[in-house]
Protein backbone atom coordinates (compact mmCIF):
# COMPACT_ATOMS: atom_id res chain seq x y z
CA MET A 1 -15.15 18.38 165.43
CA LYS A 2 -18.36 16.40 165.49
CA ARG A 3 -18.47 13.28 163.34
CA LYS A 4 -21.43 12.72 160.99
CA ALA A 5 -22.89 9.76 159.11
CA ILE A 6 -22.70 9.63 155.31
CA PHE A 7 -24.68 6.98 153.40
CA HIS A 8 -23.45 5.14 150.32
CA HIS A 9 -26.24 5.66 147.76
CA LEU A 10 -27.04 1.93 147.70
CA ALA A 11 -27.25 1.82 151.49
CA GLU A 12 -29.75 4.66 151.39
CA ILE A 13 -31.86 2.69 148.90
CA GLU A 14 -31.68 -0.39 151.16
CA LEU A 15 -32.79 1.67 154.14
CA ASN A 16 -35.76 3.15 152.29
CA ASP A 17 -36.78 -0.20 150.78
CA ALA A 18 -36.71 -1.92 154.18
CA ALA A 19 -38.70 0.88 155.85
CA GLU A 20 -41.31 0.77 153.07
CA TYR A 21 -41.57 -3.02 153.35
CA TYR A 22 -42.11 -2.91 157.12
CA GLU A 23 -44.62 -0.08 156.84
CA LYS A 24 -46.65 -2.10 154.31
CA GLU A 25 -46.57 -5.10 156.65
CA LEU A 26 -47.86 -3.14 159.64
CA SER A 27 -48.60 0.55 160.02
CA GLY A 28 -45.92 2.15 162.20
CA LEU A 29 -43.43 -0.68 161.83
CA GLY A 30 -41.46 1.18 159.16
CA VAL A 31 -41.16 4.16 161.49
CA ALA A 32 -40.03 1.83 164.29
CA PHE A 33 -37.39 0.36 161.95
CA LEU A 34 -36.09 3.83 161.07
CA GLY A 35 -35.94 4.68 164.78
CA GLU A 36 -33.81 1.62 165.50
CA VAL A 37 -31.52 2.43 162.58
CA GLU A 38 -31.15 5.97 163.95
CA ARG A 39 -30.27 4.51 167.35
CA ALA A 40 -27.59 2.32 165.73
CA ILE A 41 -26.17 5.30 163.83
CA LYS A 42 -25.97 7.38 167.02
CA TYR A 43 -24.13 4.53 168.73
CA ALA A 44 -21.70 4.19 165.82
CA LEU A 45 -21.05 7.93 165.87
CA GLN A 46 -20.46 7.99 169.62
CA PHE A 47 -18.43 4.74 169.74
CA PRO A 48 -17.11 4.22 166.20
CA GLU A 49 -14.87 1.32 167.23
CA GLY A 50 -17.52 -0.22 169.48
CA SER A 51 -18.86 -2.64 166.90
CA PRO A 52 -16.99 -5.71 165.68
CA LEU A 53 -15.04 -5.82 162.44
CA VAL A 54 -16.57 -8.00 159.71
CA ALA A 55 -13.92 -7.12 157.12
CA LYS A 56 -10.60 -5.33 157.19
CA THR A 57 -12.04 -1.84 157.85
CA VAL A 58 -15.80 -2.51 157.96
CA ARG A 59 -17.76 -2.80 161.19
CA ARG A 60 -21.27 -4.10 161.82
CA LYS A 61 -23.73 -2.66 164.31
CA LEU A 62 -26.80 -4.85 164.73
CA ILE A 63 -30.21 -3.19 164.49
CA ARG A 64 -32.28 -4.00 167.56
CA LYS A 65 -35.59 -5.84 167.01
CA PHE A 66 -34.97 -6.32 163.26
CA PRO A 67 -32.84 -8.81 161.28
CA TYR A 68 -30.59 -6.05 159.94
CA GLY A 69 -27.09 -4.76 160.47
CA LEU A 70 -25.54 -1.39 159.76
CA LEU A 71 -22.21 -1.86 157.97
CA TYR A 72 -19.88 1.12 158.18
CA SER A 73 -16.31 2.26 157.91
CA ILE A 74 -14.68 4.94 160.02
CA ARG A 75 -13.36 8.02 158.28
CA THR A 76 -11.55 11.00 159.76
CA ASP A 77 -14.63 13.22 159.95
CA CYS A 78 -17.50 10.75 159.49
CA ILE A 79 -18.68 7.20 159.44
CA ARG A 80 -19.49 5.94 155.95
CA ILE A 81 -22.54 3.67 155.99
CA LEU A 82 -21.91 1.09 153.31
CA ALA A 83 -24.99 -1.10 153.72
CA VAL A 84 -28.18 -1.58 155.66
CA MET A 85 -27.94 -5.34 155.41
CA ASN A 86 -30.70 -7.87 155.85
CA HIS A 87 -29.14 -10.86 157.62
CA ARG A 88 -31.07 -13.20 155.33
CA ARG A 89 -29.31 -11.90 152.22
CA ARG A 90 -26.00 -12.98 150.75
CA PRO A 91 -23.54 -12.08 153.50
CA PHE A 92 -20.93 -10.19 151.46
CA TYR A 93 -22.98 -8.63 148.65
CA TRP A 94 -21.86 -5.18 149.81
CA ARG A 95 -18.15 -5.77 149.28
CA GLY A 96 -16.64 -3.30 146.89
CA ARG A 97 -18.63 -0.35 148.23
CA LYS A 98 -16.53 2.60 149.37
C-alpha cells in the first residue's frame, strides 16, 4: 500500500498564502516554494521517520531554501500535514491540530 499526504485544512491555507506571498515578491518564487514543499512531502512519504520529532508524535521536515518547515504526523496509510510553518512565527501555534 502506497502512503499519501493529507493536509489539515489550515496547513493548506498556510501553503497557499506562503506561495502567493512569494509569487508577489518575485515572479516564479511562489512556484519554486511549492516545488520545495513537494520535495519535502516526497521525502516524508518515503522516509516518514526520517525527520526529527518536535512533539510527541509530530515531526518537522525543513523546506530547503525557505524559512519554513513541514510539520506532520505519521498515520497507518498516510502522513497528515498539520502545518506549513514559517520559522519566524510563534513556534507552537499549530498545537491542537489533528
